PDB file of N, CA and C in Angstrom:
ATOM      1  N   MET A   1       2.725  19.080 -41.162  1.00  0.00           N
ATOM      2  CA  MET A   1       1.347  18.628 -41.139  1.00  0.00           C
ATOM      3  C   MET A   1       1.338  17.104 -41.006  1.00  0.00           C
ATOM      4  N   PRO A   2       0.412  16.541 -40.171  1.00  0.00           N
ATOM      5  CA  PRO A   2       0.366  15.092 -39.994  1.00  0.00           C
ATOM      6  C   PRO A   2      -0.048  14.374 -41.285  1.00  0.00           C
ATOM      7  N   GLU A   3       0.367  13.122 -41.346  1.00  0.00           N
ATOM      8  CA  GLU A   3       0.026  12.285 -42.501  1.00  0.00           C
ATOM      9  C   GLU A   3      -1.474  11.948 -42.463  1.00  0.00           C
ATOM     10  N   ALA A   4      -2.102  11.935 -43.610  1.00  0.00           N
ATOM     11  CA  ALA A   4      -3.528  11.616 -43.689  1.00  0.00           C
ATOM     12  C   ALA A   4      -3.756  10.128 -43.385  1.00  0.00           C
ATOM     13  N   VAL A   5      -4.883   9.837 -42.743  1.00  0.00           N
ATOM     14  CA  VAL A   5      -5.245   8.458 -42.439  1.00  0.00           C
ATOM     15  C   VAL A   5      -5.852   7.839 -43.691  1.00  0.00           C
ATOM     16  N   ARG A   6      -5.280   6.730 -44.125  1.00  0.00           N
ATOM     17  CA  ARG A   6      -5.737   6.099 -45.361  1.00  0.00           C
ATOM     18  C   ARG A   6      -6.487   4.788 -45.115  1.00  0.00           C
ATOM     19  N   ARG A   7      -6.266   4.154 -43.958  1.00  0.00           N
ATOM     20  CA  ARG A   7      -6.911   2.871 -43.689  1.00  0.00           C
ATOM     21  C   ARG A   7      -7.995   3.048 -42.629  1.00  0.00           C
ATOM     22  N   MET A   8      -9.096   2.309 -42.762  1.00  0.00           N
ATOM     23  CA  MET A   8     -10.218   2.443 -41.848  1.00  0.00           C
ATOM     24  C   MET A   8      -9.838   2.064 -40.414  1.00  0.00           C
ATOM     25  N   GLU A   9      -9.011   1.009 -40.231  1.00  0.00           N
ATOM     26  CA  GLU A   9      -8.664   0.580 -38.872  1.00  0.00           C
ATOM     27  C   GLU A   9      -7.799   1.589 -38.128  1.00  0.00           C
ATOM     28  N   GLU A  10      -7.243   2.558 -38.807  1.00  0.00           N
ATOM     29  CA  GLU A  10      -6.461   3.610 -38.164  1.00  0.00           C
ATOM     30  C   GLU A  10      -7.310   4.835 -37.827  1.00  0.00           C
ATOM     31  N   ALA A  11      -8.508   4.892 -38.356  1.00  0.00           N
ATOM     32  CA  ALA A  11      -9.366   6.063 -38.167  1.00  0.00           C
ATOM     33  C   ALA A  11      -9.939   6.089 -36.749  1.00  0.00           C
ATOM     34  N   TYR A  12     -10.207   7.271 -36.262  1.00  0.00           N
ATOM     35  CA  TYR A  12     -10.786   7.442 -34.927  1.00  0.00           C
ATOM     36  C   TYR A  12     -12.203   6.894 -34.924  1.00  0.00           C
ATOM     37  N   GLY A  13     -12.517   6.054 -33.930  1.00  0.00           N
ATOM     38  CA  GLY A  13     -13.865   5.524 -33.782  1.00  0.00           C
ATOM     39  C   GLY A  13     -14.171   4.328 -34.661  1.00  0.00           C
ATOM     40  N   SER A  14     -13.198   3.789 -35.348  1.00  0.00           N
ATOM     41  CA  SER A  14     -13.477   2.650 -36.214  1.00  0.00           C
ATOM     42  C   SER A  14     -13.541   1.340 -35.438  1.00  0.00           C
ATOM     43  N   SER A  15     -12.975   1.294 -34.240  1.00  0.00           N
ATOM     44  CA  SER A  15     -13.030   0.079 -33.431  1.00  0.00           C
ATOM     45  C   SER A  15     -14.346   0.037 -32.667  1.00  0.00           C
ATOM     46  N   SER A  16     -14.730  -1.140 -32.218  1.00  0.00           N
ATOM     47  CA  SER A  16     -15.988  -1.279 -31.484  1.00  0.00           C
ATOM     48  C   SER A  16     -15.868  -0.615 -30.114  1.00  0.00           C
ATOM     49  N   ALA A  17     -16.993  -0.172 -29.610  1.00  0.00           N
ATOM     50  CA  ALA A  17     -17.021   0.505 -28.312  1.00  0.00           C
ATOM     51  C   ALA A  17     -16.786  -0.502 -27.196  1.00  0.00           C
ATOM     52  N   ARG A  18     -16.148  -0.068 -26.099  1.00  0.00           N
ATOM     53  CA  ARG A  18     -15.909  -0.916 -24.943  1.00  0.00           C
ATOM     54  C   ARG A  18     -16.775  -0.430 -23.791  1.00  0.00           C
ATOM     55  N   TYR A  19     -17.233  -1.368 -22.984  1.00  0.00           N
ATOM     56  CA  TYR A  19     -18.048  -1.052 -21.818  1.00  0.00           C
ATOM     57  C   TYR A  19     -17.374  -1.646 -20.588  1.00  0.00           C
ATOM     58  N   ARG A  20     -17.182  -0.838 -19.582  1.00  0.00           N
ATOM     59  CA  ARG A  20     -16.574  -1.298 -18.335  1.00  0.00           C
ATOM     60  C   ARG A  20     -17.609  -1.191 -17.228  1.00  0.00           C
ATOM     61  N   GLN A  21     -17.951  -2.321 -16.634  1.00  0.00           N
ATOM     62  CA  GLN A  21     -18.951  -2.341 -15.583  1.00  0.00           C
ATOM     63  C   GLN A  21     -18.316  -1.903 -14.265  1.00  0.00           C
ATOM     64  N   ASN A  22     -18.981  -0.998 -13.572  1.00  0.00           N
ATOM     65  CA  ASN A  22     -18.500  -0.522 -12.281  1.00  0.00           C
ATOM     66  C   ASN A  22     -19.117  -1.343 -11.163  1.00  0.00           C
ATOM     67  N   ALA A  23     -18.434  -1.423 -10.049  1.00  0.00           N
ATOM     68  CA  ALA A  23     -18.934  -2.147  -8.886  1.00  0.00           C
ATOM     69  C   ALA A  23     -20.087  -1.375  -8.254  1.00  0.00           C
ATOM     70  N   SER A  24     -21.045  -2.111  -7.720  1.00  0.00           N
ATOM     71  CA  SER A  24     -22.179  -1.470  -7.051  1.00  0.00           C
ATOM     72  C   SER A  24     -21.761  -0.979  -5.666  1.00  0.00           C
ATOM     73  N   ALA A  25     -22.577  -0.119  -5.103  1.00  0.00           N
ATOM     74  CA  ALA A  25     -22.285   0.399  -3.761  1.00  0.00           C
ATOM     75  C   ALA A  25     -22.294  -0.726  -2.734  1.00  0.00           C
ATOM     76  N   GLY A  26     -23.217  -1.678  -2.882  1.00  0.00           N
ATOM     77  CA  GLY A  26     -23.275  -2.807  -1.959  1.00  0.00           C
ATOM     78  C   GLY A  26     -22.037  -3.676  -2.030  1.00  0.00           C
ATOM     79  N   ALA A  27     -21.553  -3.902  -3.265  1.00  0.00           N
ATOM     80  CA  ALA A  27     -20.347  -4.716  -3.432  1.00  0.00           C
ATOM     81  C   ALA A  27     -19.137  -4.030  -2.809  1.00  0.00           C
ATOM     82  N   LEU A  28     -19.050  -2.722  -2.962  1.00  0.00           N
ATOM     83  CA  LEU A  28     -17.930  -1.989  -2.354  1.00  0.00           C
ATOM     84  C   LEU A  28     -18.006  -2.040  -0.834  1.00  0.00           C
ATOM     85  N   GLY A  29     -19.200  -1.946  -0.280  1.00  0.00           N
ATOM     86  CA  GLY A  29     -19.364  -2.037   1.169  1.00  0.00           C
ATOM     87  C   GLY A  29     -18.959  -3.408   1.702  1.00  0.00           C
ATOM     88  N   ARG A  30     -19.362  -4.465   0.984  1.00  0.00           N
ATOM     89  CA  ARG A  30     -18.974  -5.820   1.400  1.00  0.00           C
ATOM     90  C   ARG A  30     -17.469  -6.015   1.300  1.00  0.00           C
ATOM     91  N   MET A  31     -16.852  -5.452   0.261  1.00  0.00           N
ATOM     92  CA  MET A  31     -15.407  -5.574   0.095  1.00  0.00           C
ATOM     93  C   MET A  31     -14.673  -4.895   1.261  1.00  0.00           C
ATOM     94  N   GLU A  32     -15.131  -3.708   1.653  1.00  0.00           N
ATOM     95  CA  GLU A  32     -14.503  -3.010   2.774  1.00  0.00           C
ATOM     96  C   GLU A  32     -14.655  -3.797   4.072  1.00  0.00           C
ATOM     97  N   ALA A  33     -15.813  -4.434   4.258  1.00  0.00           N
ATOM     98  CA  ALA A  33     -16.023  -5.234   5.468  1.00  0.00           C
ATOM     99  C   ALA A  33     -15.074  -6.423   5.502  1.00  0.00           C
ATOM    100  N   VAL A  34     -14.911  -7.097   4.368  1.00  0.00           N
ATOM    101  CA  VAL A  34     -14.017  -8.253   4.311  1.00  0.00           C
ATOM    102  C   VAL A  34     -12.573  -7.829   4.539  1.00  0.00           C
ATOM    103  N   PHE A  35     -12.169  -6.694   3.947  1.00  0.00           N
ATOM    104  CA  PHE A  35     -10.805  -6.206   4.182  1.00  0.00           C
ATOM    105  C   PHE A  35     -10.590  -5.930   5.667  1.00  0.00           C
ATOM    106  N   GLY A  36     -11.596  -5.395   6.334  1.00  0.00           N
ATOM    107  CA  GLY A  36     -11.489  -5.159   7.777  1.00  0.00           C
ATOM    108  C   GLY A  36     -11.303  -6.453   8.552  1.00  0.00           C
ATOM    109  N   TRP A  37     -12.061  -7.481   8.183  1.00  0.00           N
ATOM    110  CA  TRP A  37     -11.931  -8.788   8.853  1.00  0.00           C
ATOM    111  C   TRP A  37     -10.545  -9.381   8.620  1.00  0.00           C
ATOM    112  N   ILE A  38     -10.086  -9.313   7.388  1.00  0.00           N
ATOM    113  CA  ILE A  38      -8.778  -9.897   7.067  1.00  0.00           C
ATOM    114  C   ILE A  38      -7.671  -9.159   7.808  1.00  0.00           C
ATOM    115  N   ASN A  39      -7.720  -7.837   7.798  1.00  0.00           N
ATOM    116  CA  ASN A  39      -6.659  -7.060   8.442  1.00  0.00           C
ATOM    117  C   ASN A  39      -6.714  -7.148   9.959  1.00  0.00           C
ATOM    118  N   ALA A  40      -7.825  -7.640  10.520  1.00  0.00           N
ATOM    119  CA  ALA A  40      -7.923  -7.815  11.969  1.00  0.00           C
ATOM    120  C   ALA A  40      -7.306  -9.137  12.424  1.00  0.00           C
ATOM    121  N   LEU A  41      -6.927 -10.006  11.495  1.00  0.00           N
ATOM    122  CA  LEU A  41      -6.297 -11.276  11.880  1.00  0.00           C
ATOM    123  C   LEU A  41      -4.967 -10.994  12.585  1.00  0.00           C
ATOM    124  N   PRO A  42      -4.700 -11.675  13.684  1.00  0.00           N
ATOM    125  CA  PRO A  42      -3.488 -11.372  14.449  1.00  0.00           C
ATOM    126  C   PRO A  42      -2.201 -11.818  13.755  1.00  0.00           C
ATOM    127  N   SER A  43      -2.256 -12.851  12.937  1.00  0.00           N
ATOM    128  CA  SER A  43      -1.047 -13.375  12.327  1.00  0.00           C
ATOM    129  C   SER A  43      -0.823 -12.755  10.939  1.00  0.00           C
ATOM    130  N   GLU A  44       0.345 -12.167  10.759  1.00  0.00           N
ATOM    131  CA  GLU A  44       0.681 -11.563   9.465  1.00  0.00           C
ATOM    132  C   GLU A  44       0.729 -12.636   8.368  1.00  0.00           C
ATOM    133  N   GLY A  45       1.186 -13.813   8.727  1.00  0.00           N
ATOM    134  CA  GLY A  45       1.239 -14.919   7.767  1.00  0.00           C
ATOM    135  C   GLY A  45      -0.144 -15.301   7.250  1.00  0.00           C
ATOM    136  N   ASP A  46      -1.144 -15.284   8.153  1.00  0.00           N
ATOM    137  CA  ASP A  46      -2.516 -15.582   7.741  1.00  0.00           C
ATOM    138  C   ASP A  46      -3.038 -14.523   6.768  1.00  0.00           C
ATOM    139  N   ARG A  47      -2.757 -13.277   7.065  1.00  0.00           N
ATOM    140  CA  ARG A  47      -3.207 -12.185   6.183  1.00  0.00           C
ATOM    141  C   ARG A  47      -2.558 -12.305   4.812  1.00  0.00           C
ATOM    142  N   LYS A  48      -1.259 -12.567   4.779  1.00  0.00           N
ATOM    143  CA  LYS A  48      -0.568 -12.709   3.488  1.00  0.00           C
ATOM    144  C   LYS A  48      -1.093 -13.913   2.720  1.00  0.00           C
ATOM    145  N   GLY A  49      -1.419 -14.988   3.433  1.00  0.00           N
ATOM    146  CA  GLY A  49      -1.945 -16.181   2.773  1.00  0.00           C
ATOM    147  C   GLY A  49      -3.292 -15.934   2.118  1.00  0.00           C
ATOM    148  N   ILE A  50      -4.133 -15.150   2.756  1.00  0.00           N
ATOM    149  CA  ILE A  50      -5.449 -14.841   2.196  1.00  0.00           C
ATOM    150  C   ILE A  50      -5.318 -13.918   0.992  1.00  0.00           C
ATOM    151  N   TYR A  51      -4.445 -12.923   1.084  1.00  0.00           N
ATOM    152  CA  TYR A  51      -4.291 -11.963  -0.016  1.00  0.00           C
ATOM    153  C   TYR A  51      -3.539 -12.565  -1.212  1.00  0.00           C
ATOM    154  N   ALA A  52      -2.811 -13.654  -1.009  1.00  0.00           N
ATOM    155  CA  ALA A  52      -2.012 -14.220  -2.095  1.00  0.00           C
ATOM    156  C   ALA A  52      -2.827 -14.908  -3.130  1.00  0.00           C
TER     157      ALA A  52
END
């Protein structure tokens, strides 16, 4: 049988809740457009420089 939890910080749900904001549909569309522009550059060095 598992050991009983004796301290509050070890208990489930005792920490504060976290919120993760998701990207909007518009932001994802703009990101895809920019990736297309970057990947269309003829020089591989230019593409690596932008992504770095």
